[in-house]
Amino acid sequence: MWVLTNTSEDQRQVTIALAEYLMDDQFLAEWTEAANLMPTSQSILKKWKNQTDAATVNEIASSAQLIPSNEFISSISPILQQGTLGMIRGQINYLQAFENSLKDLEFIYPTPGE
């Protein structure tokens, strides 16, 4: 989504043309390849001239994983710690720890639609 703030029609048309150019797959392919940046989509990556680099980037992208935010980690750490300590102390087994943790996590992060 783009937000255009120009009030003049001439400026608006120039702004739209620039936005369309900056979003064009061919421009993005050339720009990301030249700048050694990760492209925003597979279709852009397929347009890279150096297919060896494209294959390497594709392999990296396909194995990439999102890193959870500090807020998320902070919110689940006490739940996981409680289950782990319960098992270490011999108070619960791994299935009980899992079920208790799952219940607590569902309380914090309810399943959408329920």
N, C-alpha and C. Protein backbone atom coordinates (compact mmCIF):
# COMPACT_ATOMS: atom_id res chain seq x y z
N MET A 1 0.85 -1.16 0.00
CA MET A 1 0.00 0.00 0.00
C MET A 1 0.90 1.23 0.00
N TRP A 2 0.53 2.20 -0.77
CA TRP A 2 1.25 3.46 -0.83
C TRP A 2 0.30 4.57 -0.40
N VAL A 3 0.82 5.55 0.30
CA VAL A 3 0.05 6.72 0.69
C VAL A 3 0.63 7.91 -0.05
N LEU A 4 -0.18 8.57 -0.85
CA LEU A 4 0.27 9.72 -1.62
C LEU A 4 -0.26 10.98 -0.96
N THR A 5 0.65 11.92 -0.68
CA THR A 5 0.23 13.12 0.04
C THR A 5 0.27 14.38 -0.81
N ASN A 6 0.66 14.27 -2.06
CA ASN A 6 0.74 15.46 -2.90
C ASN A 6 -0.65 15.96 -3.24
N THR A 7 -0.82 17.27 -3.14
CA THR A 7 -2.13 17.85 -3.46
C THR A 7 -2.22 18.23 -4.93
N SER A 8 -1.11 18.48 -5.57
CA SER A 8 -1.12 18.87 -6.98
C SER A 8 -1.25 17.62 -7.85
N GLU A 9 -2.08 17.72 -8.88
CA GLU A 9 -2.30 16.58 -9.78
C GLU A 9 -1.02 16.19 -10.51
N ASP A 10 -0.23 17.19 -10.93
CA ASP A 10 1.03 16.90 -11.61
C ASP A 10 1.98 16.13 -10.70
N GLN A 11 2.11 16.58 -9.46
CA GLN A 11 2.98 15.91 -8.51
C GLN A 11 2.47 14.51 -8.20
N ARG A 12 1.16 14.37 -8.11
CA ARG A 12 0.56 13.06 -7.82
C ARG A 12 0.91 12.06 -8.93
N GLN A 13 0.82 12.50 -10.18
CA GLN A 13 1.13 11.61 -11.30
C GLN A 13 2.61 11.20 -11.30
N VAL A 14 3.49 12.14 -10.97
CA VAL A 14 4.92 11.83 -10.89
C VAL A 14 5.16 10.86 -9.74
N THR A 15 4.49 11.07 -8.62
CA THR A 15 4.65 10.19 -7.46
C THR A 15 4.17 8.78 -7.79
N ILE A 16 3.04 8.67 -8.47
CA ILE A 16 2.51 7.36 -8.86
C ILE A 16 3.49 6.66 -9.81
N ALA A 17 4.01 7.41 -10.77
CA ALA A 17 4.96 6.82 -11.73
C ALA A 17 6.21 6.32 -11.00
N LEU A 18 6.71 7.09 -10.04
CA LEU A 18 7.88 6.67 -9.28
C LEU A 18 7.57 5.42 -8.46
N ALA A 19 6.43 5.40 -7.79
CA ALA A 19 6.05 4.24 -6.98
C ALA A 19 5.92 2.99 -7.86
N GLU A 20 5.31 3.13 -9.02
CA GLU A 20 5.18 1.98 -9.93
C GLU A 20 6.54 1.49 -10.40
N TYR A 21 7.45 2.41 -10.69
CA TYR A 21 8.79 2.03 -11.13
C TYR A 21 9.53 1.30 -10.01
N LEU A 22 9.44 1.82 -8.78
CA LEU A 22 10.14 1.21 -7.65
C LEU A 22 9.58 -0.16 -7.29
N MET A 23 8.34 -0.45 -7.69
CA MET A 23 7.74 -1.75 -7.40
C MET A 23 7.84 -2.73 -8.57
N ASP A 24 8.36 -2.27 -9.69
CA ASP A 24 8.47 -3.11 -10.88
C ASP A 24 9.44 -4.27 -10.62
N ASP A 25 9.04 -5.48 -10.99
CA ASP A 25 9.86 -6.67 -10.75
C ASP A 25 11.25 -6.56 -11.39
N GLN A 26 11.32 -6.04 -12.61
CA GLN A 26 12.62 -5.94 -13.29
C GLN A 26 13.54 -4.99 -12.54
N PHE A 27 13.02 -3.83 -12.13
CA PHE A 27 13.83 -2.89 -11.35
C PHE A 27 14.28 -3.53 -10.05
N LEU A 28 13.36 -4.17 -9.34
CA LEU A 28 13.71 -4.80 -8.06
C LEU A 28 14.74 -5.91 -8.23
N ALA A 29 14.65 -6.65 -9.33
CA ALA A 29 15.63 -7.71 -9.58
C ALA A 29 17.01 -7.11 -9.78
N GLU A 30 17.10 -6.09 -10.62
CA GLU A 30 18.40 -5.45 -10.88
C GLU A 30 18.94 -4.79 -9.62
N TRP A 31 18.08 -4.11 -8.90
CA TRP A 31 18.51 -3.37 -7.71
C TRP A 31 18.96 -4.31 -6.60
N THR A 32 18.16 -5.33 -6.29
CA THR A 32 18.54 -6.24 -5.20
C THR A 32 19.80 -7.02 -5.55
N GLU A 33 19.94 -7.41 -6.81
CA GLU A 33 21.15 -8.15 -7.20
C GLU A 33 22.38 -7.25 -7.10
N ALA A 34 22.29 -6.02 -7.60
CA ALA A 34 23.43 -5.09 -7.57
C ALA A 34 23.80 -4.70 -6.14
N ALA A 35 22.80 -4.58 -5.28
CA ALA A 35 23.04 -4.16 -3.89
C ALA A 35 23.31 -5.33 -2.95
N ASN A 36 23.30 -6.55 -3.50
CA ASN A 36 23.48 -7.76 -2.68
C ASN A 36 22.44 -7.83 -1.56
N LEU A 37 21.19 -7.57 -1.92
CA LEU A 37 20.09 -7.62 -0.97
C LEU A 37 19.18 -8.81 -1.28
N MET A 38 18.51 -9.30 -0.25
CA MET A 38 17.55 -10.38 -0.42
C MET A 38 16.32 -9.83 -1.15
N PRO A 39 15.94 -10.43 -2.27
CA PRO A 39 14.74 -9.95 -2.97
C PRO A 39 13.47 -10.24 -2.17
N THR A 40 12.44 -9.49 -2.49
CA THR A 40 11.18 -9.61 -1.75
C THR A 40 10.30 -10.75 -2.21
N SER A 41 10.61 -11.36 -3.33
CA SER A 41 9.79 -12.48 -3.80
C SER A 41 10.60 -13.40 -4.71
N GLN A 42 10.06 -14.61 -4.90
CA GLN A 42 10.69 -15.58 -5.79
C GLN A 42 10.71 -15.08 -7.24
N SER A 43 9.65 -14.38 -7.64
CA SER A 43 9.59 -13.91 -9.03
C SER A 43 10.71 -12.92 -9.32
N ILE A 44 11.09 -12.14 -8.34
CA ILE A 44 12.19 -11.20 -8.52
C ILE A 44 13.51 -11.95 -8.55
N LEU A 45 13.67 -12.92 -7.68
CA LEU A 45 14.89 -13.72 -7.63
C LEU A 45 15.13 -14.45 -8.95
N LYS A 46 14.07 -14.92 -9.58
CA LYS A 46 14.20 -15.65 -10.85
C LYS A 46 14.73 -14.76 -11.97
N LYS A 47 14.62 -13.44 -11.80
CA LYS A 47 15.09 -12.51 -12.84
C LYS A 47 16.54 -12.07 -12.63
N TRP A 48 17.18 -12.56 -11.58
CA TRP A 48 18.59 -12.23 -11.38
C TRP A 48 19.40 -12.78 -12.54
N LYS A 49 20.43 -12.04 -12.97
CA LYS A 49 21.29 -12.49 -14.06
C LYS A 49 22.22 -13.61 -13.61
N ASN A 50 22.76 -13.50 -12.41
CA ASN A 50 23.68 -14.51 -11.89
C ASN A 50 22.87 -15.60 -11.20
N GLN A 51 22.60 -16.67 -11.91
CA GLN A 51 21.76 -17.74 -11.37
C GLN A 51 22.45 -18.54 -10.28
N THR A 52 23.79 -18.51 -10.24
CA THR A 52 24.51 -19.16 -9.15
C THR A 52 24.20 -18.45 -7.84
N ASP A 53 24.28 -17.11 -7.86
CA ASP A 53 23.92 -16.33 -6.67
C ASP A 53 22.45 -16.52 -6.33
N ALA A 54 21.61 -16.54 -7.36
CA ALA A 54 20.17 -16.72 -7.13
C ALA A 54 19.89 -18.06 -6.45
N ALA A 55 20.59 -19.10 -6.87
CA ALA A 55 20.39 -20.43 -6.26
C ALA A 55 20.83 -20.42 -4.80
N THR A 56 21.94 -19.72 -4.51
CA THR A 56 22.42 -19.62 -3.13
C THR A 56 21.42 -18.86 -2.27
N VAL A 57 20.95 -17.73 -2.77
CA VAL A 57 19.97 -16.93 -2.03
C VAL A 57 18.68 -17.72 -1.83
N ASN A 58 18.25 -18.45 -2.85
CA ASN A 58 17.05 -19.26 -2.74
C ASN A 58 17.20 -20.33 -1.66
N GLU A 59 18.37 -20.95 -1.60
CA GLU A 59 18.63 -21.97 -0.57
C GLU A 59 18.60 -21.35 0.83
N ILE A 60 19.21 -20.18 0.97
CA ILE A 60 19.21 -19.49 2.26
C ILE A 60 17.78 -19.11 2.65
N ALA A 61 17.04 -18.54 1.70
CA ALA A 61 15.67 -18.10 1.99
C ALA A 61 14.77 -19.26 2.37
N SER A 62 14.96 -20.41 1.72
CA SER A 62 14.07 -21.54 2.00
C SER A 62 14.36 -22.17 3.36
N SER A 63 15.54 -21.92 3.91
CA SER A 63 15.84 -22.48 5.23
C SER A 63 15.76 -21.44 6.34
N ALA A 64 15.42 -20.21 6.00
CA ALA A 64 15.35 -19.14 7.00
C ALA A 64 14.19 -19.37 7.96
N GLN A 65 14.39 -18.96 9.19
CA GLN A 65 13.35 -19.08 10.20
C GLN A 65 13.17 -17.74 10.90
N LEU A 66 11.94 -17.45 11.26
CA LEU A 66 11.68 -16.23 12.00
C LEU A 66 12.19 -16.36 13.42
N ILE A 67 12.75 -15.29 13.94
CA ILE A 67 13.21 -15.28 15.33
C ILE A 67 12.10 -14.65 16.16
N PRO A 68 11.66 -15.33 17.21
CA PRO A 68 10.59 -14.77 18.03
C PRO A 68 11.03 -13.46 18.70
N SER A 69 10.08 -12.59 18.91
CA SER A 69 10.37 -11.31 19.55
C SER A 69 10.72 -11.52 21.02
N ASN A 70 11.43 -10.56 21.60
CA ASN A 70 11.77 -10.63 23.02
C ASN A 70 10.51 -10.68 23.88
N GLU A 71 9.48 -9.95 23.45
CA GLU A 71 8.21 -9.94 24.19
C GLU A 71 7.60 -11.34 24.23
N PHE A 72 7.61 -12.03 23.10
CA PHE A 72 7.06 -13.38 23.03
C PHE A 72 7.87 -14.33 23.92
N ILE A 73 9.19 -14.27 23.80
CA ILE A 73 10.05 -15.14 24.61
C ILE A 73 9.82 -14.87 26.09
N SER A 74 9.72 -13.60 26.47
CA SER A 74 9.48 -13.25 27.88
C SER A 74 8.15 -13.78 28.37
N SER A 75 7.16 -13.82 27.49
CA SER A 75 5.83 -14.27 27.93
C SER A 75 5.75 -15.78 28.07
N ILE A 76 6.52 -16.54 27.29
CA ILE A 76 6.43 -18.00 27.39
C ILE A 76 7.49 -18.61 28.30
N SER A 77 8.56 -17.86 28.57
CA SER A 77 9.65 -18.41 29.40
C SER A 77 9.18 -18.92 30.76
N PRO A 78 8.36 -18.15 31.51
CA PRO A 78 7.93 -18.65 32.81
C PRO A 78 7.11 -19.94 32.71
N ILE A 79 6.32 -20.06 31.66
CA ILE A 79 5.50 -21.27 31.47
C ILE A 79 6.40 -22.48 31.23
N LEU A 80 7.37 -22.32 30.34
CA LEU A 80 8.28 -23.43 30.05
C LEU A 80 9.18 -23.74 31.24
N GLN A 81 9.57 -22.71 31.96
CA GLN A 81 10.40 -22.91 33.15
C GLN A 81 9.64 -23.71 34.21
N GLN A 82 8.39 -23.38 34.39
CA GLN A 82 7.56 -24.08 35.39
C GLN A 82 7.47 -25.57 35.05
N GLY A 83 7.23 -25.90 33.80
CA GLY A 83 7.16 -27.30 33.39
C GLY A 83 8.48 -28.01 33.55
N THR A 84 9.56 -27.34 33.19
CA THR A 84 10.89 -27.94 33.31
C THR A 84 11.25 -28.21 34.76
N LEU A 85 11.00 -27.23 35.62
CA LEU A 85 11.30 -27.42 37.05
C LEU A 85 10.45 -28.52 37.66
N GLY A 86 9.19 -28.61 37.24
CA GLY A 86 8.31 -29.67 37.73
C GLY A 86 8.86 -31.05 37.39
N MET A 87 9.41 -31.18 36.18
CA MET A 87 10.00 -32.47 35.79
C MET A 87 11.29 -32.74 36.56
N ILE A 88 12.13 -31.73 36.70
CA ILE A 88 13.40 -31.91 37.43
C ILE A 88 13.15 -32.32 38.87
N ARG A 89 12.14 -31.72 39.47
CA ARG A 89 11.82 -32.02 40.87
C ARG A 89 11.05 -33.34 41.02
N GLY A 90 10.69 -33.95 39.91
CA GLY A 90 9.96 -35.21 39.96
C GLY A 90 8.49 -35.05 40.31
N GLN A 91 7.96 -33.84 40.20
CA GLN A 91 6.57 -33.57 40.54
C GLN A 91 5.62 -33.96 39.41
N ILE A 92 6.10 -33.86 38.17
CA ILE A 92 5.28 -34.19 37.00
C ILE A 92 6.15 -34.88 35.96
N ASN A 93 5.51 -35.61 35.05
CA ASN A 93 6.27 -36.22 33.95
C ASN A 93 6.21 -35.30 32.73
N TYR A 94 6.89 -35.69 31.66
CA TYR A 94 6.97 -34.82 30.49
C TYR A 94 5.61 -34.58 29.84
N LEU A 95 4.71 -35.56 29.89
CA LEU A 95 3.38 -35.36 29.30
C LEU A 95 2.57 -34.35 30.11
N GLN A 96 2.66 -34.45 31.43
CA GLN A 96 1.96 -33.48 32.28
C GLN A 96 2.54 -32.07 32.07
N ALA A 97 3.87 -31.99 31.97
CA ALA A 97 4.50 -30.69 31.73
C ALA A 97 4.03 -30.10 30.41
N PHE A 98 3.96 -30.95 29.39
CA PHE A 98 3.50 -30.51 28.07
C PHE A 98 2.06 -30.03 28.14
N GLU A 99 1.17 -30.83 28.74
CA GLU A 99 -0.25 -30.46 28.82
C GLU A 99 -0.45 -29.18 29.63
N ASN A 100 0.26 -29.05 30.76
CA ASN A 100 0.14 -27.84 31.57
C ASN A 100 0.63 -26.61 30.79
N SER A 101 1.76 -26.77 30.12
CA SER A 101 2.31 -25.66 29.34
C SER A 101 1.37 -25.27 28.21
N LEU A 102 0.82 -26.27 27.55
CA LEU A 102 -0.11 -26.01 26.45
C LEU A 102 -1.34 -25.25 26.94
N LYS A 103 -1.88 -25.66 28.08
CA LYS A 103 -3.05 -24.96 28.64
C LYS A 103 -2.71 -23.51 28.94
N ASP A 104 -1.55 -23.29 29.58
CA ASP A 104 -1.15 -21.92 29.92
C ASP A 104 -0.89 -21.08 28.67
N LEU A 105 -0.29 -21.69 27.67
CA LEU A 105 -0.04 -20.97 26.42
C LEU A 105 -1.34 -20.62 25.71
N GLU A 106 -2.30 -21.54 25.73
CA GLU A 106 -3.60 -21.27 25.10
C GLU A 106 -4.34 -20.15 25.83
N PHE A 107 -4.09 -20.02 27.13
CA PHE A 107 -4.70 -18.93 27.89
C PHE A 107 -4.11 -17.59 27.44
N ILE A 108 -2.80 -17.57 27.23
CA ILE A 108 -2.13 -16.33 26.82
C ILE A 108 -2.38 -16.04 25.34
N TYR A 109 -2.28 -17.07 24.52
CA TYR A 109 -2.43 -16.94 23.07
C TYR A 109 -3.56 -17.84 22.60
N PRO A 110 -4.82 -17.41 22.78
CA PRO A 110 -5.95 -18.27 22.39
C PRO A 110 -5.96 -18.54 20.88
N THR A 111 -6.47 -19.70 20.53
CA THR A 111 -6.60 -20.07 19.14
C THR A 111 -7.65 -19.18 18.49
N PRO A 112 -7.34 -18.55 17.33
CA PRO A 112 -8.33 -17.70 16.66
C PRO A 112 -9.61 -18.47 16.34
N GLY A 113 -10.73 -17.83 16.55
CA GLY A 113 -12.02 -18.44 16.23
C GLY A 113 -12.63 -19.23 17.37
N GLU A 114 -11.93 -19.33 18.48
CA GLU A 114 -12.49 -20.09 19.61
C GLU A 114 -12.94 -19.15 20.70
